[in-house]
N, C-alpha and C. Protein backbone atom coordinates (compact mmCIF):
# COMPACT_ATOMS: atom_id res chain seq x y z
N MET A 1 -143.33 89.95 102.96
CA MET A 1 -142.46 90.52 102.19
C MET A 1 -141.21 89.16 101.54
N LEU A 2 -141.77 89.04 100.17
CA LEU A 2 -140.75 87.57 99.69
C LEU A 2 -139.47 88.62 98.57
N ALA A 3 -138.38 87.79 99.14
CA ALA A 3 -136.97 88.01 98.53
C ALA A 3 -137.23 88.06 97.12
N THR A 4 -136.83 88.86 96.30
CA THR A 4 -136.33 88.41 95.04
C THR A 4 -134.91 88.35 94.45
N ALA A 5 -134.59 88.08 93.50
CA ALA A 5 -133.44 88.36 92.85
C ALA A 5 -133.39 87.88 91.44
N VAL A 6 -132.54 88.84 90.70
CA VAL A 6 -132.65 88.82 89.32
C VAL A 6 -131.54 87.73 88.75
N VAL A 7 -131.69 86.75 87.85
CA VAL A 7 -130.95 85.58 87.64
C VAL A 7 -131.02 85.26 85.98
N MET A 8 -129.96 84.77 85.69
CA MET A 8 -130.00 84.64 84.01
C MET A 8 -129.99 83.43 83.85
N LEU A 9 -131.15 83.26 82.86
CA LEU A 9 -131.37 81.80 82.70
C LEU A 9 -130.81 81.59 81.08
N MET A 10 -130.62 80.54 81.34
CA MET A 10 -130.11 80.12 79.79
C MET A 10 -131.72 79.83 78.60
N ASP A 11 -131.25 80.13 77.42
CA ASP A 11 -132.58 79.72 76.39
C ASP A 11 -131.96 78.65 76.27
N ARG A 12 -132.96 77.84 74.70
CA ARG A 12 -132.71 76.99 74.15
C ARG A 12 -131.06 77.27 73.26
N ASN A 13 -130.62 78.12 72.74
CA ASN A 13 -129.36 78.42 72.43
C ASN A 13 -128.15 78.59 73.27
N MET A 14 -128.35 78.72 74.55
CA MET A 14 -127.27 78.88 75.46
C MET A 14 -126.92 80.12 75.80
N LYS A 15 -127.73 81.12 75.64
CA LYS A 15 -127.76 82.60 75.61
C LYS A 15 -128.38 83.14 76.93
N ALA A 16 -128.03 83.87 77.59
CA ALA A 16 -128.61 84.07 79.14
C ALA A 16 -129.31 85.68 79.00
N GLN A 17 -130.81 85.30 79.51
CA GLN A 17 -131.94 86.04 79.55
C GLN A 17 -132.25 86.07 80.98
N PRO A 18 -132.48 87.21 80.99
CA PRO A 18 -132.75 88.29 82.48
C PRO A 18 -134.15 87.26 83.29
N GLY A 19 -134.30 86.87 84.59
CA GLY A 19 -135.43 87.15 84.90
C GLY A 19 -135.85 87.20 86.24
N ARG A 20 -136.65 86.96 87.17
CA ARG A 20 -136.50 87.68 88.33
C ARG A 20 -137.09 86.32 89.52
N ALA A 21 -136.22 85.67 90.13
CA ALA A 21 -136.87 84.31 90.92
C ALA A 21 -137.40 84.96 92.55
N PHE A 22 -138.31 83.81 92.87
CA PHE A 22 -138.87 84.74 94.30
C PHE A 22 -138.14 83.43 95.03
N LEU A 23 -137.50 83.82 95.92
CA LEU A 23 -136.53 82.74 97.09
C LEU A 23 -137.34 82.54 98.35
N ASP A 24 -137.50 81.23 98.28
CA ASP A 24 -138.21 80.73 99.68
C ASP A 24 -137.66 79.48 99.78
N SER A 25 -136.46 79.56 101.11
CA SER A 25 -135.93 78.42 101.76
C SER A 25 -136.64 77.32 102.02
N GLY A 26 -137.84 77.34 102.61
CA GLY A 26 -138.62 76.65 102.88
C GLY A 26 -139.36 75.59 101.70
N SER A 27 -139.45 76.12 100.37
CA SER A 27 -140.55 75.58 99.53
C SER A 27 -139.65 73.96 98.95
N GLU A 28 -140.87 73.42 98.40
CA GLU A 28 -140.23 72.27 98.28
C GLU A 28 -140.43 71.98 96.56
N GLY A 29 -140.46 72.92 96.05
CA GLY A 29 -140.64 73.03 94.92
C GLY A 29 -140.19 74.00 94.18
N SER A 30 -139.63 74.17 92.80
CA SER A 30 -139.29 75.57 91.96
C SER A 30 -140.43 75.31 90.45
N PHE A 31 -140.85 76.84 90.69
CA PHE A 31 -141.83 77.07 89.14
C PHE A 31 -141.43 77.81 88.56
N ILE A 32 -141.53 78.03 86.89
CA ILE A 32 -141.16 78.78 85.96
C ILE A 32 -142.92 78.98 85.56
N THR A 33 -142.81 80.05 85.12
CA THR A 33 -144.33 80.60 83.85
C THR A 33 -144.10 79.96 82.98
N GLU A 34 -145.38 79.16 82.84
CA GLU A 34 -145.66 78.73 81.00
C GLU A 34 -145.14 79.90 79.87
N SER A 35 -145.68 80.58 80.48
CA SER A 35 -145.10 82.24 79.32
C SER A 35 -143.55 82.28 79.00
N TYR A 36 -143.08 82.02 80.30
CA TYR A 36 -141.31 82.60 80.31
C TYR A 36 -140.54 80.99 79.54
N ALA A 37 -140.95 80.37 79.70
CA ALA A 37 -140.53 78.66 79.41
C ALA A 37 -140.53 78.60 77.64
N LYS A 38 -141.79 79.07 77.07
CA LYS A 38 -142.04 79.26 75.64
C LYS A 38 -140.80 80.83 75.51
N ARG A 39 -140.86 81.14 76.15
CA ARG A 39 -139.84 82.61 75.48
C ARG A 39 -138.65 81.77 75.26
N LEU A 40 -138.15 81.21 76.45
CA LEU A 40 -136.84 80.61 76.79
C LEU A 40 -136.51 79.50 75.65
N GLY A 41 -137.61 78.95 74.88
CA GLY A 41 -137.53 77.94 73.94
C GLY A 41 -137.28 76.49 74.52
N LEU A 42 -137.39 76.66 76.29
CA LEU A 42 -137.30 75.45 76.73
C LEU A 42 -138.35 74.21 76.08
N THR A 43 -137.49 73.31 76.21
CA THR A 43 -138.28 71.75 75.66
C THR A 43 -139.42 71.50 76.76
N ARG A 44 -140.00 70.95 77.07
CA ARG A 44 -141.05 70.86 77.71
C ARG A 44 -142.03 68.92 78.09
N GLN A 45 -142.48 68.33 79.16
CA GLN A 45 -142.79 67.17 78.92
C GLN A 45 -144.43 67.22 79.57
N ARG A 46 -145.19 66.62 79.29
CA ARG A 46 -146.85 66.74 79.62
C ARG A 46 -146.53 66.23 81.01
N ILE A 47 -146.87 66.15 81.86
CA ILE A 47 -147.12 65.73 83.32
C ILE A 47 -148.60 65.98 84.19
N SER A 48 -149.05 65.06 84.60
CA SER A 48 -150.03 65.35 85.82
C SER A 48 -149.73 65.16 87.25
N CYS A 49 -149.62 66.65 87.30
CA CYS A 49 -149.10 67.00 89.27
C CYS A 49 -150.31 67.31 89.88
N VAL A 50 -150.90 66.33 90.71
CA VAL A 50 -151.79 66.91 91.54
C VAL A 50 -151.75 66.82 93.15
N ARG A 51 -152.23 67.43 93.69
CA ARG A 51 -152.08 67.55 95.16
C ARG A 51 -153.24 67.52 95.93
N ASP A 52 -153.88 66.63 96.68
CA ASP A 52 -154.92 66.04 97.85
C ASP A 52 -154.91 67.33 98.71
N LEU A 53 -156.12 68.14 98.59
CA LEU A 53 -155.96 68.60 99.69
C LEU A 53 -156.83 68.46 100.80
N ASP A 54 -158.19 69.03 100.95
CA ASP A 54 -159.51 68.40 101.92
C ASP A 54 -160.70 68.06 101.20
N TRP A 55 -161.50 67.80 102.24
CA TRP A 55 -162.77 67.34 101.64
C TRP A 55 -163.34 68.15 100.61
N HIS A 56 -163.28 69.34 101.03
CA HIS A 56 -164.03 70.29 100.01
C HIS A 56 -163.27 70.28 98.33
N HIS A 57 -161.93 70.34 98.99
CA HIS A 57 -161.03 70.26 97.68
C HIS A 57 -160.48 69.10 97.37
N PRO A 58 -160.88 67.94 96.96
CA PRO A 58 -160.42 66.69 96.90
C PRO A 58 -158.95 66.64 96.11
N THR A 59 -159.12 67.54 94.56
CA THR A 59 -157.28 67.72 93.96
C THR A 59 -157.04 69.38 94.03
N LEU A 60 -155.92 69.76 93.54
CA LEU A 60 -155.76 71.16 92.86
C LEU A 60 -154.58 70.56 91.89
N GLU A 61 -154.61 71.02 90.44
CA GLU A 61 -153.52 70.91 89.74
C GLU A 61 -152.48 71.78 90.02
N ILE A 62 -151.33 71.29 89.91
CA ILE A 62 -150.06 72.37 90.67
C ILE A 62 -149.41 72.55 89.22
N ALA A 63 -149.44 71.62 88.11
CA ALA A 63 -148.22 71.74 87.29
C ALA A 63 -148.98 71.06 86.08
N LYS A 64 -148.72 71.38 84.97
CA LYS A 64 -149.24 70.04 83.56
C LYS A 64 -147.98 69.95 82.42
N TRP A 65 -146.74 70.81 83.29
CA TRP A 65 -145.33 70.33 82.24
C TRP A 65 -144.18 70.39 83.04
N THR A 66 -143.48 69.89 82.78
CA THR A 66 -142.00 69.74 83.15
C THR A 66 -140.98 70.20 82.60
N THR A 67 -140.02 70.88 83.11
CA THR A 67 -138.75 71.06 82.24
C THR A 67 -137.93 71.61 82.74
N SER A 68 -136.39 71.84 82.39
CA SER A 68 -135.44 72.00 82.86
C SER A 68 -134.47 73.21 82.28
N VAL A 69 -133.98 73.93 83.11
CA VAL A 69 -133.43 75.47 82.92
C VAL A 69 -132.16 75.55 83.46
N GLU A 70 -131.19 76.04 83.09
CA GLU A 70 -129.71 76.30 83.74
C GLU A 70 -129.92 77.88 84.27
N PHE A 71 -129.46 78.02 85.69
CA PHE A 71 -129.97 79.50 85.88
C PHE A 71 -128.06 79.96 86.75
N ARG A 72 -128.06 80.94 86.62
CA ARG A 72 -126.92 81.59 87.67
C ARG A 72 -127.05 83.15 88.48
N SER A 73 -126.18 83.35 88.97
CA SER A 73 -126.25 85.06 89.35
C SER A 73 -126.06 85.82 88.20
N ARG A 74 -126.88 86.91 88.31
CA ARG A 74 -126.69 87.85 87.10
C ARG A 74 -125.18 88.60 86.94
N PHE A 75 -124.41 88.50 88.22
CA PHE A 75 -123.03 88.85 88.27
C PHE A 75 -122.34 87.86 87.97
N HIS A 76 -122.27 87.11 87.07
CA HIS A 76 -121.52 86.13 86.81
C HIS A 76 -120.15 86.40 86.66
N LEU A 77 -118.95 85.40 86.84
CA LEU A 77 -117.51 85.84 86.85
C LEU A 77 -117.16 84.63 86.69
N PRO A 78 -116.09 84.23 85.07
CA PRO A 78 -115.27 82.87 84.70
C PRO A 78 -115.38 82.42 86.24
N GLY A 79 -115.35 80.81 86.33
CA GLY A 79 -115.46 80.35 87.58
C GLY A 79 -116.46 80.02 88.05
N ASP A 80 -117.23 80.74 88.31
CA ASP A 80 -118.76 81.28 88.88
C ASP A 80 -119.21 79.21 88.58
N GLU A 81 -119.87 79.15 89.88
CA GLU A 81 -120.83 77.98 89.83
C GLU A 81 -122.10 78.15 88.93
N LYS A 82 -122.58 77.21 88.15
CA LYS A 82 -123.97 77.32 87.71
C LYS A 82 -125.14 76.41 88.32
N PHE A 83 -126.43 76.63 88.06
CA PHE A 83 -127.05 75.74 89.07
C PHE A 83 -127.92 75.50 87.47
N GLN A 84 -128.34 74.13 87.62
CA GLN A 84 -129.65 73.36 87.02
C GLN A 84 -130.70 72.72 88.05
N LEU A 85 -132.05 73.49 87.61
CA LEU A 85 -132.99 72.78 88.50
C LEU A 85 -134.01 71.98 87.08
N GLY A 86 -134.66 71.08 87.84
CA GLY A 86 -135.70 70.71 86.95
C GLY A 86 -136.97 71.42 87.64
N TYR A 87 -137.62 71.90 86.39
CA TYR A 87 -139.01 72.86 87.35
C TYR A 87 -140.36 72.35 86.82
N VAL A 88 -141.15 72.61 87.61
CA VAL A 88 -142.66 71.54 87.26
C VAL A 88 -143.31 72.52 87.56
């Protein structure tokens, strides 16, 4: 079972919008769906991000875009830390 949390993500107008985060302490990357990034009005940059697999599947496209989003706990109190992550 995957652990999740409801977080508040800042849209392009710095207005908090709710979203659900999957929590994986062993993950090397952070991801956001393209549809949610568009809904938040985030600026995206085109990239080519592929990973070599095995000889049966030489490459796998992992991401097409990169963006950045600020988020925080939905129980935000004045003085609480905010987090800034680059998403691929």
